[in-house]
Amino acid sequence: MNKEILSEKEQLFLYLVGTFHSSARIALGKNENPMTKSININVEQASFYINVLDLIQEKTKENLTDYEEQMLINTISELKLNLIDEKKKNKSPNGQKQNKESKEED
C-alpha cells in the first residue's frame, strides 16, 4: 500500500500520527530520547500515547482515506505489540524502568 503523492491534509495527518508514534517509541525505549541522548522506558507514558492514537482512530472512523486508515492501524498495532513485550519484561508497579543499557532492535 505505497502511495506516492499525498495531499497536504494526508501529509499533516500522517505527521500527527508519526509524532505520537515517535513519542511512544521513545517511551518504550525503542528510540533514543533526542533531548537527553539516553534510552529510558516509561510504560505509563507509552500507554498514554497509544491511547491518544486509539482515540484518534475512534474519532476519525470512516473519515480517513484507505491509506491513512491503514497507516494508523499499523502504527497502533506495532506499538501495542511493543507495549505488551515491555510489560512482560518490566514488572515494576509504577511501570517505570530506569536507564536501559543497550538499545534493542524491533
C-alpha atoms as a PDB file:
ATOM      1  CA  MET A   1       0.000   0.000   0.000  1.00  0.00           C
ATOM      2  CA  ASN A   2       2.603   2.502  -1.145  1.00  0.00           C
ATOM      3  CA  LYS A   3       1.140   5.847  -2.079  1.00  0.00           C
ATOM      4  CA  GLU A   4       3.492   8.225  -3.846  1.00  0.00           C
ATOM      5  CA  ILE A   5       1.568  11.512  -3.830  1.00  0.00           C
ATOM      6  CA  LEU A   6      -0.174  12.587  -0.638  1.00  0.00           C
ATOM      7  CA  SER A   7      -2.444  15.573  -0.300  1.00  0.00           C
ATOM      8  CA  GLU A   8      -1.470  18.268   2.176  1.00  0.00           C
ATOM      9  CA  LYS A   9      -4.130  17.059   4.620  1.00  0.00           C
ATOM     10  CA  GLU A  10      -2.873  13.477   4.346  1.00  0.00           C
ATOM     11  CA  GLN A  11       0.667  14.677   4.998  1.00  0.00           C
ATOM     12  CA  LEU A  12      -0.461  16.618   8.068  1.00  0.00           C
ATOM     13  CA  PHE A  13      -2.457  13.672   9.394  1.00  0.00           C
ATOM     14  CA  LEU A  14       0.465  11.296   8.922  1.00  0.00           C
ATOM     15  CA  TYR A  15       2.759  13.818  10.613  1.00  0.00           C
ATOM     16  CA  LEU A  16       0.379  13.888  13.590  1.00  0.00           C
ATOM     17  CA  VAL A  17       0.315  10.082  13.786  1.00  0.00           C
ATOM     18  CA  GLY A  18       4.098   9.991  13.335  1.00  0.00           C
ATOM     19  CA  THR A  19       4.615  12.415  16.201  1.00  0.00           C
ATOM     20  CA  PHE A  20       2.737  10.191  18.658  1.00  0.00           C
ATOM     21  CA  HIS A  21       4.385   7.112  17.157  1.00  0.00           C
ATOM     22  CA  SER A  22       7.858   8.559  17.765  1.00  0.00           C
ATOM     23  CA  SER A  23       6.956   9.664  21.283  1.00  0.00           C
ATOM     24  CA  ALA A  24       5.621   6.202  22.140  1.00  0.00           C
ATOM     25  CA  ARG A  25       8.744   4.509  20.743  1.00  0.00           C
ATOM     26  CA  ILE A  26      10.928   6.792  22.847  1.00  0.00           C
ATOM     27  CA  ALA A  27       8.821   5.973  25.931  1.00  0.00           C
ATOM     28  CA  LEU A  28       9.165   2.253  25.140  1.00  0.00           C
ATOM     29  CA  GLY A  29      12.945   2.570  24.907  1.00  0.00           C
ATOM     30  CA  LYS A  30      12.981   1.710  21.203  1.00  0.00           C
ATOM     31  CA  ASN A  31      14.498   5.060  20.225  1.00  0.00           C
ATOM     32  CA  GLU A  32      16.918   7.382  21.971  1.00  0.00           C
ATOM     33  CA  ASN A  33      15.393  10.456  23.565  1.00  0.00           C
ATOM     34  CA  PRO A  34      16.766  13.313  21.415  1.00  0.00           C
ATOM     35  CA  MET A  35      16.726  15.723  24.360  1.00  0.00           C
ATOM     36  CA  THR A  36      18.567  13.567  26.908  1.00  0.00           C
ATOM     37  CA  LYS A  37      20.505  11.374  24.455  1.00  0.00           C
ATOM     38  CA  SER A  38      19.543   8.378  26.590  1.00  0.00           C
ATOM     39  CA  ILE A  39      17.203   5.431  26.384  1.00  0.00           C
ATOM     40  CA  ASN A  40      14.649   5.182  29.175  1.00  0.00           C
ATOM     41  CA  ILE A  41      11.482   3.149  29.465  1.00  0.00           C
ATOM     42  CA  ASN A  42       8.239   4.623  30.756  1.00  0.00           C
ATOM     43  CA  VAL A  43       5.392   2.191  30.116  1.00  0.00           C
ATOM     44  CA  GLU A  44       2.799   4.572  31.546  1.00  0.00           C
ATOM     45  CA  GLN A  45       3.804   7.339  29.171  1.00  0.00           C
ATOM     46  CA  ALA A  46       3.878   4.932  26.210  1.00  0.00           C
ATOM     47  CA  SER A  47       0.372   3.753  27.134  1.00  0.00           C
ATOM     48  CA  PHE A  48      -0.798   7.374  27.108  1.00  0.00           C
ATOM     49  CA  TYR A  49       0.488   7.937  23.562  1.00  0.00           C
ATOM     50  CA  ILE A  50      -1.092   4.686  22.382  1.00  0.00           C
ATOM     51  CA  ASN A  51      -4.392   5.712  23.979  1.00  0.00           C
ATOM     52  CA  VAL A  52      -4.224   9.035  22.127  1.00  0.00           C
ATOM     53  CA  LEU A  53      -3.739   7.172  18.842  1.00  0.00           C
ATOM     54  CA  ASP A  54      -6.653   4.875  19.723  1.00  0.00           C
ATOM     55  CA  LEU A  55      -8.796   7.958  20.337  1.00  0.00           C
ATOM     56  CA  ILE A  56      -7.746   9.465  17.006  1.00  0.00           C
ATOM     57  CA  GLN A  57      -8.688   6.192  15.319  1.00  0.00           C
ATOM     58  CA  GLU A  58     -12.073   6.136  17.041  1.00  0.00           C
ATOM     59  CA  LYS A  59     -12.891   9.781  16.319  1.00  0.00           C
ATOM     60  CA  THR A  60     -11.819   9.643  12.664  1.00  0.00           C
ATOM     61  CA  LYS A  61     -13.563   6.355  11.858  1.00  0.00           C
ATOM     62  CA  GLU A  62     -14.993   6.384   8.333  1.00  0.00           C
ATOM     63  CA  ASN A  63     -13.414   9.783   7.711  1.00  0.00           C
ATOM     64  CA  LEU A  64      -9.943   8.676   6.576  1.00  0.00           C
ATOM     65  CA  THR A  65      -8.565   7.602   3.234  1.00  0.00           C
ATOM     66  CA  ASP A  66      -7.713   3.906   2.971  1.00  0.00           C
ATOM     67  CA  TYR A  67      -4.029   4.828   3.154  1.00  0.00           C
ATOM     68  CA  GLU A  68      -4.439   6.936   6.309  1.00  0.00           C
ATOM     69  CA  GLU A  69      -6.554   4.273   7.971  1.00  0.00           C
ATOM     70  CA  GLN A  70      -4.053   1.507   7.208  1.00  0.00           C
ATOM     71  CA  MET A  71      -1.113   3.600   8.427  1.00  0.00           C
ATOM     72  CA  LEU A  72      -2.952   4.313  11.683  1.00  0.00           C
ATOM     73  CA  ILE A  73      -3.910   0.656  12.177  1.00  0.00           C
ATOM     74  CA  ASN A  74      -0.335  -0.493  11.509  1.00  0.00           C
ATOM     75  CA  THR A  75       1.121   2.123  13.849  1.00  0.00           C
ATOM     76  CA  ILE A  76      -1.210   1.263  16.722  1.00  0.00           C
ATOM     77  CA  SER A  77      -0.697  -2.478  16.236  1.00  0.00           C
ATOM     78  CA  GLU A  78       3.093  -2.145  16.260  1.00  0.00           C
ATOM     79  CA  LEU A  79       3.050  -0.008  19.392  1.00  0.00           C
ATOM     80  CA  LYS A  80       0.642  -2.304  21.243  1.00  0.00           C
ATOM     81  CA  LEU A  81       2.833  -5.321  20.500  1.00  0.00           C
ATOM     82  CA  ASN A  82       5.904  -3.441  21.736  1.00  0.00           C
ATOM     83  CA  LEU A  83       3.986  -2.349  24.845  1.00  0.00           C
ATOM     84  CA  ILE A  84       2.983  -5.936  25.635  1.00  0.00           C
ATOM     85  CA  ASP A  85       6.609  -7.071  25.254  1.00  0.00           C
ATOM     86  CA  GLU A  86       7.831  -4.278  27.502  1.00  0.00           C
ATOM     87  CA  LYS A  87       5.213  -5.017  30.167  1.00  0.00           C
ATOM     88  CA  LYS A  88       6.344  -8.645  30.213  1.00  0.00           C
ATOM     89  CA  LYS A  89       9.956  -7.548  30.759  1.00  0.00           C
ATOM     90  CA  ASN A  90       9.147  -4.753  33.192  1.00  0.00           C
ATOM     91  CA  LYS A  91       7.101  -5.852  36.166  1.00  0.00           C
ATOM     92  CA  SER A  92       7.635  -2.771  38.361  1.00  0.00           C
ATOM     93  CA  PRO A  93       4.432  -1.435  39.998  1.00  0.00           C
ATOM     94  CA  ASN A  94       4.723   2.108  38.629  1.00  0.00           C
ATOM     95  CA  GLY A  95       5.511   0.989  35.072  1.00  0.00           C
ATOM     96  CA  GLN A  96       8.867   2.757  35.022  1.00  0.00           C
ATOM     97  CA  LYS A  97      12.304   1.341  34.450  1.00  0.00           C
ATOM     98  CA  GLN A  98      15.432   3.436  34.704  1.00  0.00           C
ATOM     99  CA  ASN A  99      18.159   3.523  32.065  1.00  0.00           C
ATOM    100  CA  LYS A 100      18.387   0.742  29.570  1.00  0.00           C
ATOM    101  CA  GLU A 101      21.960  -0.371  28.992  1.00  0.00           C
ATOM    102  CA  SER A 102      21.746  -1.426  25.371  1.00  0.00           C
ATOM    103  CA  LYS A 103      19.357  -0.415  22.664  1.00  0.00           C
ATOM    104  CA  GLU A 104      17.169  -3.270  21.463  1.00  0.00           C
ATOM    105  CA  GLU A 105      16.089  -3.636  17.879  1.00  0.00           C
ATOM    106  CA  ASP A 106      12.486  -4.378  16.932  1.00  0.00           C
END
